Amino acid sequence: MMEAFDYALRVCESIAFSLHSTLRITEPCHNILGKSLVRDSIPYPNIFFPIVGVLGLIVAYVNIQYGDNDTIVVAAQCYVVAYHTGAVFTHIRIGDHPASRIAASLFVLIGMVLLVLRLGILIGLVVTAVFIGVGVGLGHLIVIKPPTGDEPLLDDDNEAQ
């Protein structure tokens, strides 16, 4: 029974990662994530999102294909927890509506459940907490606070010249 539950949760994760990876890989073509969704708060070259997308596809694949290997699934879940904690952090930092954090938080919860199923309650919760910390730390490194509407985009002194 637990194996079926474990598998169902991993399938949900892998479907979501596959869909989001497609958006990230094609980001240089449409610029939806960088300009619109995160409002230039992830100031990296166009290759940043496609690299994250490829990593997501790898995690989606190994999460299903190697489900009988605890080490691989645990590593995938650590990535899931850190990645989605970073997503929650991003939504908080850029000032999105609180509801925007719900989906990413759900995947942190799913990752935690899978870690607990694979590692036991105590170790699973500790590992989850560690990778929540990793996600927040990476969020601090990667995501900048976007300019508020109150700050001028151009310096007034330079306009007069």
Protein backbone atom coordinates (compact mmCIF):
# COMPACT_ATOMS: atom_id res chain seq x y z
CA MET A 1 0.00 0.00 0.00
CA MET A 2 2.77 2.45 0.92
CA GLU A 3 4.64 1.65 -2.29
CA ALA A 4 1.60 2.65 -4.34
CA PHE A 5 1.26 5.89 -2.37
CA ASP A 6 4.98 6.60 -2.78
CA TYR A 7 4.73 5.97 -6.53
CA ALA A 8 1.64 8.17 -6.94
CA LEU A 9 3.33 11.09 -5.20
CA ARG A 10 6.47 10.71 -7.31
CA VAL A 11 4.37 10.63 -10.49
CA CYS A 12 2.65 13.88 -9.47
CA GLU A 13 6.03 15.49 -8.85
CA SER A 14 7.48 14.24 -12.11
CA ILE A 15 4.53 15.48 -14.16
CA ALA A 16 4.81 18.92 -12.59
CA PHE A 17 8.59 19.01 -13.07
CA SER A 18 8.23 17.97 -16.72
CA LEU A 19 5.71 20.72 -17.43
CA HIS A 20 7.72 23.40 -15.66
CA SER A 21 10.94 22.20 -17.26
CA THR A 22 9.42 22.76 -20.69
CA LEU A 23 8.71 26.37 -19.74
CA ARG A 24 12.21 26.85 -18.40
CA ILE A 25 13.97 25.27 -21.37
CA THR A 26 12.02 27.46 -23.80
CA GLU A 27 12.39 30.62 -21.67
CA PRO A 28 14.82 32.37 -24.05
CA CYS A 29 12.13 32.14 -26.76
CA HIS A 30 9.20 33.64 -24.84
CA ASN A 31 10.68 35.36 -21.74
CA ILE A 32 7.59 34.62 -19.63
CA LEU A 33 9.43 33.68 -16.46
CA GLY A 34 12.17 36.29 -16.37
CA LYS A 35 10.30 39.43 -17.35
CA SER A 36 6.70 38.69 -16.49
CA LEU A 37 6.48 36.14 -13.72
CA VAL A 38 9.45 36.99 -11.50
CA ARG A 39 9.77 40.58 -12.72
CA ASP A 40 13.51 40.58 -13.37
CA SER A 41 14.23 39.46 -9.81
CA ILE A 42 16.42 36.62 -11.12
CA PRO A 43 19.05 38.64 -13.00
CA TYR A 44 20.99 35.94 -14.80
CA PRO A 45 21.79 35.26 -18.46
CA ASN A 46 19.21 33.59 -20.69
CA ILE A 47 20.89 30.22 -20.13
CA PHE A 48 19.92 30.17 -16.40
CA PHE A 49 16.33 29.02 -16.87
CA PRO A 50 17.13 26.33 -19.50
CA ILE A 51 19.79 24.83 -17.21
CA VAL A 52 17.25 24.68 -14.37
CA GLY A 53 14.79 23.12 -16.83
CA VAL A 54 17.20 20.38 -17.84
CA LEU A 55 17.91 19.62 -14.17
CA GLY A 56 14.16 19.40 -13.61
CA LEU A 57 13.77 16.91 -16.45
CA ILE A 58 16.56 14.79 -15.00
CA VAL A 59 14.89 14.81 -11.58
CA ALA A 60 11.51 13.97 -13.14
CA TYR A 61 13.03 11.03 -15.00
CA VAL A 62 15.07 9.51 -12.18
CA ASN A 63 12.24 10.07 -9.70
CA ILE A 64 10.12 7.57 -11.66
CA GLN A 65 12.67 5.38 -13.43
CA TYR A 66 14.74 4.60 -10.34
CA GLY A 67 11.95 4.45 -7.76
CA ASP A 68 13.33 1.25 -6.29
CA ASN A 69 16.64 2.94 -5.43
CA ASP A 70 16.26 4.78 -2.12
CA THR A 71 19.43 6.84 -2.59
CA ILE A 72 18.29 8.26 -5.93
CA VAL A 73 14.75 8.97 -4.74
CA VAL A 74 16.04 10.64 -1.56
CA ALA A 75 18.40 12.80 -3.63
CA ALA A 76 15.53 13.72 -5.96
CA GLN A 77 13.34 14.62 -2.98
CA CYS A 78 16.07 16.78 -1.50
CA TYR A 79 16.18 18.67 -4.80
CA VAL A 80 12.36 18.92 -4.84
CA VAL A 81 12.27 20.34 -1.31
CA ALA A 82 15.09 22.85 -1.90
CA TYR A 83 13.76 23.89 -5.32
CA HIS A 84 10.20 24.48 -4.14
CA THR A 85 11.32 26.21 -0.96
CA GLY A 86 13.24 28.52 -3.28
CA ALA A 87 10.04 29.05 -5.26
CA VAL A 88 8.14 29.99 -2.09
CA PHE A 89 10.99 32.34 -1.15
CA THR A 90 10.87 33.92 -4.62
CA HIS A 91 7.13 34.57 -4.39
CA ILE A 92 7.58 36.12 -0.96
CA ARG A 93 10.55 38.27 -2.02
CA ILE A 94 8.89 39.67 -5.15
CA GLY A 95 5.70 40.41 -3.23
CA ASP A 96 3.31 38.06 -5.00
CA HIS A 97 -0.11 37.30 -3.57
CA PRO A 98 0.11 34.79 -0.68
CA ALA A 99 -1.91 32.26 -2.71
CA SER A 100 0.97 32.00 -5.18
CA ARG A 101 2.98 30.18 -2.52
CA ILE A 102 0.47 27.38 -2.03
CA ALA A 103 1.45 25.18 -5.00
CA ALA A 104 5.17 25.32 -4.25
CA SER A 105 4.48 24.67 -0.56
CA LEU A 106 2.45 21.61 -1.53
CA PHE A 107 5.48 20.16 -3.32
CA VAL A 108 7.66 20.84 -0.27
CA LEU A 109 5.10 18.85 1.72
CA ILE A 110 5.05 16.02 -0.84
CA GLY A 111 8.86 15.88 -0.77
CA MET A 112 8.78 15.74 3.02
CA VAL A 113 6.24 12.89 3.00
CA LEU A 114 8.38 10.92 0.55
CA LEU A 115 11.52 11.54 2.61
CA VAL A 116 9.71 10.35 5.74
CA LEU A 117 8.48 7.24 3.91
CA ARG A 118 12.00 6.42 2.71
CA LEU A 119 14.05 7.48 5.76
CA GLY A 120 11.74 7.29 8.76
CA ILE A 121 10.07 10.11 10.64
CA LEU A 122 12.99 11.68 12.51
CA ILE A 123 15.62 11.49 9.77
CA GLY A 124 13.06 12.44 7.09
CA LEU A 125 12.05 15.57 9.00
CA VAL A 126 15.66 16.54 9.70
CA VAL A 127 16.63 16.10 6.04
CA THR A 128 13.58 18.13 5.00
CA ALA A 129 14.53 20.92 7.40
CA VAL A 130 18.10 20.96 6.09
CA PHE A 131 16.96 21.26 2.48
CA ILE A 132 14.39 23.90 3.36
CA GLY A 133 17.39 25.81 4.69
CA VAL A 134 19.27 25.13 1.45
CA GLY A 135 16.31 26.46 -0.55
CA VAL A 136 16.10 29.64 1.52
CA GLY A 137 19.87 30.13 1.28
CA LEU A 138 19.84 29.73 -2.48
CA GLY A 139 16.86 32.09 -2.64
CA HIS A 140 18.90 34.74 -0.85
CA LEU A 141 21.74 34.23 -3.35
CA ILE A 142 19.68 34.04 -6.53
CA VAL A 143 16.62 36.28 -6.09
CA ILE A 144 16.88 40.04 -5.79
CA LYS A 145 14.07 42.24 -4.59
CA PRO A 146 12.45 43.91 -7.60
CA PRO A 147 12.21 47.69 -7.61
CA THR A 148 9.05 49.03 -6.02
CA GLY A 149 6.79 51.41 -7.88
CA ASP A 150 8.04 54.26 -5.69
CA GLU A 151 11.63 54.16 -6.90
CA PRO A 152 12.43 56.05 -10.11
CA LEU A 153 13.75 53.88 -12.90
CA LEU A 154 15.91 56.74 -14.18
CA ASP A 155 18.03 59.14 -12.21
CA ASP A 156 16.50 62.66 -12.47
CA ASP A 157 19.95 64.29 -12.53
CA ASN A 158 20.91 62.44 -15.71
CA GLU A 159 17.67 63.38 -17.51
CA ALA A 160 18.42 67.10 -17.34
CA GLN A 161 21.68 66.72 -19.24
